[in-house]
Amino acid sequence: MANPAIDEAKTKMKKSQESFQSQLGNIRAGKANASILNPVTVEYYGAQVPINQVASVSIPEPRVLLISPFDESALDEIERALNMSDLGLTPANDGNNIRLVIPQLTTESRHELAKKVGQEAESTKIAIRNIRRDAMDNLKKQEKNGDISEDELHTLEKDIQKVTDDAVKGVDAISAEKEKEITEG
């Protein structure tokens, strides 16, 4: 049975999953991944801009990011932004490009990253359960206002629970995949 409350909950849950996936992209797993640079901004002509707007980012080797500025004058600012970021990586400036070498993860750091993934997953699941609660409240209001019957309410509550269960399973699958990537490195 279609209901706007369920459609809205599905949309919000999908956005929560996408946000979770995006957050996981910022967690480095011992392999070069350009998305770890997403939170870093560079001062360029007085404005803070993402690195990918002032330079091309390539991956010449599995654990190396090569940052090539479009404008050579931005090289020092890019290096400064990378040094000030919380990436924990030291940029190597050769005068034309900047190389970022992603260090091999230790067992301990892999464990810490896997734990962080688990924490992010739990936060996302909480957000999904909050969306479910809001949808349930919305359905109860609809029933109270006479928009839907009590039987429809029970059917729709089951539907919203199924949508929630599916969303949580999706988060678990994304989390398991990232944890595997981290632990197998």
C-alpha atoms as a PDB file:
ATOM      1  CA  MET A   1       0.000   0.000   0.000  1.00  0.00           C
ATOM      2  CA  ALA A   2       1.472   3.340  -1.037  1.00  0.00           C
ATOM      3  CA  ASN A   3       1.565   6.175   1.443  1.00  0.00           C
ATOM      4  CA  PRO A   4       3.465   9.479   1.325  1.00  0.00           C
ATOM      5  CA  ALA A   5       4.930   8.802   4.792  1.00  0.00           C
ATOM      6  CA  ILE A   6       6.532   5.572   3.543  1.00  0.00           C
ATOM      7  CA  ASP A   7       7.808   7.186   0.333  1.00  0.00           C
ATOM      8  CA  GLU A   8       9.351  10.035   2.332  1.00  0.00           C
ATOM      9  CA  ALA A   9      10.947   7.577   4.790  1.00  0.00           C
ATOM     10  CA  LYS A  10      12.403   5.522   1.906  1.00  0.00           C
ATOM     11  CA  THR A  11      13.919   8.662   0.384  1.00  0.00           C
ATOM     12  CA  LYS A  12      15.414   9.809   3.691  1.00  0.00           C
ATOM     13  CA  MET A  13      16.798   6.342   4.461  1.00  0.00           C
ATOM     14  CA  LYS A  14      18.385   6.168   1.010  1.00  0.00           C
ATOM     15  CA  LYS A  15      20.025   9.565   1.636  1.00  0.00           C
ATOM     16  CA  SER A  16      21.340   8.294   4.989  1.00  0.00           C
ATOM     17  CA  GLN A  17      22.914   5.303   3.244  1.00  0.00           C
ATOM     18  CA  GLU A  18      24.465   7.541   0.579  1.00  0.00           C
ATOM     19  CA  SER A  19      25.841   9.869   3.238  1.00  0.00           C
ATOM     20  CA  PHE A  20      27.318   6.863   5.078  1.00  0.00           C
ATOM     21  CA  GLN A  21      28.946   5.629   1.877  1.00  0.00           C
ATOM     22  CA  SER A  22      30.374   9.096   1.291  1.00  0.00           C
ATOM     23  CA  GLN A  23      31.793   9.244   4.836  1.00  0.00           C
ATOM     24  CA  LEU A  24      33.450   5.872   4.346  1.00  0.00           C
ATOM     25  CA  GLY A  25      35.170   7.213   1.237  1.00  0.00           C
ATOM     26  CA  ASN A  26      37.087   9.584   3.506  1.00  0.00           C
ATOM     27  CA  ILE A  27      38.489   6.702   5.563  1.00  0.00           C
ATOM     28  CA  ARG A  28      41.730   5.574   4.007  1.00  0.00           C
ATOM     29  CA  ALA A  29      42.289   1.859   3.749  1.00  0.00           C
ATOM     30  CA  GLY A  30      45.967   1.722   2.836  1.00  0.00           C
ATOM     31  CA  LYS A  31      45.221   2.254  -0.850  1.00  0.00           C
ATOM     32  CA  ALA A  32      45.305   5.501  -2.762  1.00  0.00           C
ATOM     33  CA  ASN A  33      41.817   6.935  -3.146  1.00  0.00           C
ATOM     34  CA  ALA A  34      41.266  10.489  -4.367  1.00  0.00           C
ATOM     35  CA  SER A  35      38.173  10.869  -2.146  1.00  0.00           C
ATOM     36  CA  ILE A  36      40.385  11.153   0.967  1.00  0.00           C
ATOM     37  CA  LEU A  37      41.207  14.654  -0.321  1.00  0.00           C
ATOM     38  CA  ASN A  38      37.533  15.738  -0.361  1.00  0.00           C
ATOM     39  CA  PRO A  39      37.622  17.481   3.051  1.00  0.00           C
ATOM     40  CA  VAL A  40      40.795  19.449   2.155  1.00  0.00           C
ATOM     41  CA  THR A  41      40.355  22.961   0.803  1.00  0.00           C
ATOM     42  CA  VAL A  42      43.009  25.243  -0.694  1.00  0.00           C
ATOM     43  CA  GLU A  43      43.147  29.021  -0.540  1.00  0.00           C
ATOM     44  CA  TYR A  44      43.160  30.099  -4.165  1.00  0.00           C
ATOM     45  CA  TYR A  45      42.882  33.799  -5.021  1.00  0.00           C
ATOM     46  CA  GLY A  46      41.293  34.532  -1.652  1.00  0.00           C
ATOM     47  CA  ALA A  47      38.694  31.742  -1.733  1.00  0.00           C
ATOM     48  CA  GLN A  48      38.682  28.286  -0.121  1.00  0.00           C
ATOM     49  CA  VAL A  49      38.190  25.705  -2.871  1.00  0.00           C
ATOM     50  CA  PRO A  50      38.420  21.892  -2.976  1.00  0.00           C
ATOM     51  CA  ILE A  51      41.720  20.487  -4.274  1.00  0.00           C
ATOM     52  CA  ASN A  52      40.006  18.911  -7.301  1.00  0.00           C
ATOM     53  CA  GLN A  53      39.091  22.419  -8.527  1.00  0.00           C
ATOM     54  CA  VAL A  54      42.700  23.632  -8.623  1.00  0.00           C
ATOM     55  CA  ALA A  55      44.500  20.407  -9.555  1.00  0.00           C
ATOM     56  CA  SER A  56      44.038  17.041 -11.175  1.00  0.00           C
ATOM     57  CA  VAL A  57      44.393  14.066  -8.851  1.00  0.00           C
ATOM     58  CA  SER A  58      45.635  10.790 -10.293  1.00  0.00           C
ATOM     59  CA  ILE A  59      46.769   7.449  -8.908  1.00  0.00           C
ATOM     60  CA  PRO A  60      49.985   6.423 -10.699  1.00  0.00           C
ATOM     61  CA  GLU A  61      50.677   3.597  -8.211  1.00  0.00           C
ATOM     62  CA  PRO A  62      48.384   1.697  -5.818  1.00  0.00           C
ATOM     63  CA  ARG A  63      49.539   3.705  -2.774  1.00  0.00           C
ATOM     64  CA  VAL A  64      50.398   7.067  -4.357  1.00  0.00           C
ATOM     65  CA  LEU A  65      48.229  10.098  -5.120  1.00  0.00           C
ATOM     66  CA  LEU A  66      49.682  12.519  -7.663  1.00  0.00           C
ATOM     67  CA  ILE A  67      48.338  16.067  -7.430  1.00  0.00           C
ATOM     68  CA  SER A  68      49.088  18.211 -10.508  1.00  0.00           C
ATOM     69  CA  PRO A  69      47.981  21.848 -10.170  1.00  0.00           C
ATOM     70  CA  PHE A  70      46.319  23.484 -13.168  1.00  0.00           C
ATOM     71  CA  ASP A  71      48.122  26.706 -12.196  1.00  0.00           C
ATOM     72  CA  GLU A  72      51.711  26.308 -10.908  1.00  0.00           C
ATOM     73  CA  SER A  73      51.233  29.247  -8.529  1.00  0.00           C
ATOM     74  CA  ALA A  74      48.791  27.106  -6.512  1.00  0.00           C
ATOM     75  CA  LEU A  75      51.409  24.431  -5.739  1.00  0.00           C
ATOM     76  CA  ASP A  76      52.594  25.971  -2.451  1.00  0.00           C
ATOM     77  CA  GLU A  77      49.027  26.612  -1.260  1.00  0.00           C
ATOM     78  CA  ILE A  78      48.057  23.006  -2.023  1.00  0.00           C
ATOM     79  CA  GLU A  79      51.085  21.763  -0.084  1.00  0.00           C
ATOM     80  CA  ARG A  80      50.229  24.070   2.842  1.00  0.00           C
ATOM     81  CA  ALA A  81      46.603  22.852   2.873  1.00  0.00           C
ATOM     82  CA  LEU A  82      47.734  19.218   2.879  1.00  0.00           C
ATOM     83  CA  ASN A  83      50.160  19.861   5.749  1.00  0.00           C
ATOM     84  CA  MET A  84      47.435  21.600   7.776  1.00  0.00           C
ATOM     85  CA  SER A  85      44.822  18.896   7.101  1.00  0.00           C
ATOM     86  CA  ASP A  86      44.201  15.992   9.460  1.00  0.00           C
ATOM     87  CA  LEU A  87      45.063  13.412   6.792  1.00  0.00           C
ATOM     88  CA  GLY A  88      48.300  12.509   8.534  1.00  0.00           C
ATOM     89  CA  LEU A  89      50.144  12.341   5.207  1.00  0.00           C
ATOM     90  CA  THR A  90      53.293  14.266   4.292  1.00  0.00           C
ATOM     91  CA  PRO A  91      53.211  15.812   0.818  1.00  0.00           C
ATOM     92  CA  ALA A  92      56.324  15.553  -1.353  1.00  0.00           C
ATOM     93  CA  ASN A  93      56.660  18.599  -3.628  1.00  0.00           C
ATOM     94  CA  ASP A  94      58.901  18.131  -6.686  1.00  0.00           C
ATOM     95  CA  GLY A  95      58.349  21.650  -8.036  1.00  0.00           C
ATOM     96  CA  ASN A  96      55.622  20.635 -10.512  1.00  0.00           C
ATOM     97  CA  ASN A  97      53.498  18.070  -8.680  1.00  0.00           C
ATOM     98  CA  ILE A  98      52.783  16.867  -5.185  1.00  0.00           C
ATOM     99  CA  ARG A  99      52.953  13.193  -4.308  1.00  0.00           C
ATOM    100  CA  LEU A 100      51.133  11.757  -1.331  1.00  0.00           C
ATOM    101  CA  VAL A 101      52.306   8.293  -0.352  1.00  0.00           C
ATOM    102  CA  ILE A 102      49.692   6.332   1.558  1.00  0.00           C
ATOM    103  CA  PRO A 103      51.517   4.311   4.219  1.00  0.00           C
ATOM    104  CA  GLN A 104      50.889   0.610   4.660  1.00  0.00           C
ATOM    105  CA  LEU A 105      48.439   0.142   7.527  1.00  0.00           C
ATOM    106  CA  THR A 106      49.574  -1.634  10.662  1.00  0.00           C
ATOM    107  CA  THR A 107      47.368  -4.266  12.271  1.00  0.00           C
ATOM    108  CA  GLU A 108      46.556  -1.812  15.039  1.00  0.00           C
ATOM    109  CA  SER A 109      45.597   1.005  12.649  1.00  0.00           C
ATOM    110  CA  ARG A 110      43.474  -1.422  10.609  1.00  0.00           C
ATOM    111  CA  HIS A 111      41.649  -2.385  13.803  1.00  0.00           C
ATOM    112  CA  GLU A 112      41.088   1.306  14.688  1.00  0.00           C
ATOM    113  CA  LEU A 113      39.762   2.081  11.192  1.00  0.00           C
ATOM    114  CA  ALA A 114      37.439  -0.937  11.281  1.00  0.00           C
ATOM    115  CA  LYS A 115      36.158   0.299  14.646  1.00  0.00           C
ATOM    116  CA  LYS A 116      35.553   3.750  13.158  1.00  0.00           C
ATOM    117  CA  VAL A 117      33.583   2.169  10.306  1.00  0.00           C
ATOM    118  CA  GLY A 118      31.472   0.329  12.888  1.00  0.00           C
ATOM    119  CA  GLN A 119      30.797   3.571  14.756  1.00  0.00           C
ATOM    120  CA  GLU A 120      29.762   5.346  11.549  1.00  0.00           C
ATOM    121  CA  ALA A 121      27.503   2.407  10.672  1.00  0.00           C
ATOM    122  CA  GLU A 122      25.838   2.543  14.086  1.00  0.00           C
ATOM    123  CA  SER A 123      25.250   6.298  13.747  1.00  0.00           C
ATOM    124  CA  THR A 124      23.644   5.723  10.356  1.00  0.00           C
ATOM    125  CA  LYS A 125      21.417   2.961  11.752  1.00  0.00           C
ATOM    126  CA  ILE A 126      20.292   5.307  14.537  1.00  0.00           C
ATOM    127  CA  ALA A 127      19.422   7.930  11.914  1.00  0.00           C
ATOM    128  CA  ILE A 128      17.428   5.299   9.986  1.00  0.00           C
ATOM    129  CA  ARG A 129      15.549   4.237  13.133  1.00  0.00           C
ATOM    130  CA  ASN A 130      14.754   7.897  13.836  1.00  0.00           C
ATOM    131  CA  ILE A 131      13.320   8.191  10.323  1.00  0.00           C
ATOM    132  CA  ARG A 132      11.207   5.083  11.030  1.00  0.00           C
ATOM    133  CA  ARG A 133       9.945   6.618  14.291  1.00  0.00           C
ATOM    134  CA  ASP A 134       8.972   9.845  12.500  1.00  0.00           C
ATOM    135  CA  ALA A 135       7.173   7.868   9.784  1.00  0.00           C
ATOM    136  CA  MET A 136       5.309   5.808  12.406  1.00  0.00           C
ATOM    137  CA  ASP A 137       4.249   9.006  14.203  1.00  0.00           C
ATOM    138  CA  ASN A 138       3.060  10.418  10.880  1.00  0.00           C
ATOM    139  CA  LEU A 139       1.001   7.258  10.217  1.00  0.00           C
ATOM    140  CA  LYS A 140      -0.543   7.404  13.707  1.00  0.00           C
ATOM    141  CA  LYS A 141      -1.540  11.033  13.084  1.00  0.00           C
ATOM    142  CA  GLN A 142      -3.120   9.991   9.779  1.00  0.00           C
ATOM    143  CA  GLU A 143      -5.103   7.283  11.577  1.00  0.00           C
ATOM    144  CA  LYS A 144      -6.133   9.705  14.352  1.00  0.00           C
ATOM    145  CA  ASN A 145      -7.297  12.241  11.728  1.00  0.00           C
ATOM    146  CA  GLY A 146      -9.338   9.536   9.996  1.00  0.00           C
ATOM    147  CA  ASP A 147      -7.208   9.576   6.827  1.00  0.00           C
ATOM    148  CA  ILE A 148      -6.467   5.851   7.177  1.00  0.00           C
ATOM    149  CA  SER A 149      -8.186   3.024   9.045  1.00  0.00           C
ATOM    150  CA  GLU A 150      -6.709   1.092  11.965  1.00  0.00           C
ATOM    151  CA  ASP A 151      -6.156  -1.939   9.697  1.00  0.00           C
ATOM    152  CA  GLU A 152      -4.361   0.246   7.131  1.00  0.00           C
ATOM    153  CA  LEU A 153      -2.253   1.643   9.966  1.00  0.00           C
ATOM    154  CA  HIS A 154      -1.084  -1.852  10.968  1.00  0.00           C
ATOM    155  CA  THR A 155      -0.318  -2.784   7.353  1.00  0.00           C
ATOM    156  CA  LEU A 156       1.596   0.454   6.782  1.00  0.00           C
ATOM    157  CA  GLU A 157       3.520   0.007  10.048  1.00  0.00           C
ATOM    158  CA  LYS A 158       4.633  -3.426   8.805  1.00  0.00           C
ATOM    159  CA  ASP A 159       5.626  -1.848   5.470  1.00  0.00           C
ATOM    160  CA  ILE A 160       7.676   0.862   7.184  1.00  0.00           C
ATOM    161  CA  GLN A 161       9.386  -1.785   9.337  1.00  0.00           C
ATOM    162  CA  LYS A 162      10.316  -3.756   6.208  1.00  0.00           C
ATOM    163  CA  VAL A 163      11.730  -0.609   4.579  1.00  0.00           C
ATOM    164  CA  THR A 164      13.726   0.049   7.767  1.00  0.00           C
ATOM    165  CA  ASP A 165      15.041  -3.520   7.926  1.00  0.00           C
ATOM    166  CA  ASP A 166      16.128  -3.310   4.272  1.00  0.00           C
ATOM    167  CA  ALA A 167      17.910   0.009   4.888  1.00  0.00           C
ATOM    168  CA  VAL A 168      19.732  -1.390   7.944  1.00  0.00           C
ATOM    169  CA  LYS A 169      20.774  -4.483   5.931  1.00  0.00           C
ATOM    170  CA  GLY A 170      22.131  -2.122   3.253  1.00  0.00           C
ATOM    171  CA  VAL A 171      24.197  -0.241   5.845  1.00  0.00           C
ATOM    172  CA  ASP A 172      25.498  -3.563   7.219  1.00  0.00           C
ATOM    173  CA  ALA A 173      26.520  -4.669   3.716  1.00  0.00           C
ATOM    174  CA  ILE A 174      28.319  -1.374   2.987  1.00  0.00           C
ATOM    175  CA  SER A 175      30.028  -1.543   6.385  1.00  0.00           C
ATOM    176  CA  ALA A 176      31.112  -5.176   5.929  1.00  0.00           C
ATOM    177  CA  GLU A 177      32.555  -4.366   2.505  1.00  0.00           C
ATOM    178  CA  LYS A 178      34.591  -1.426   3.863  1.00  0.00           C
ATOM    179  CA  GLU A 179      35.795  -3.436   6.876  1.00  0.00           C
ATOM    180  CA  LYS A 180      36.908  -6.212   4.528  1.00  0.00           C
ATOM    181  CA  GLU A 181      38.758  -3.657   2.384  1.00  0.00           C
ATOM    182  CA  ILE A 182      40.506  -2.299   5.490  1.00  0.00           C
ATOM    183  CA  THR A 183      41.436  -5.630   7.053  1.00  0.00           C
ATOM    184  CA  GLU A 184      42.625  -7.254   3.830  1.00  0.00           C
ATOM    185  CA  GLY A 185      44.351  -4.064   2.671  1.00  0.00           C
END
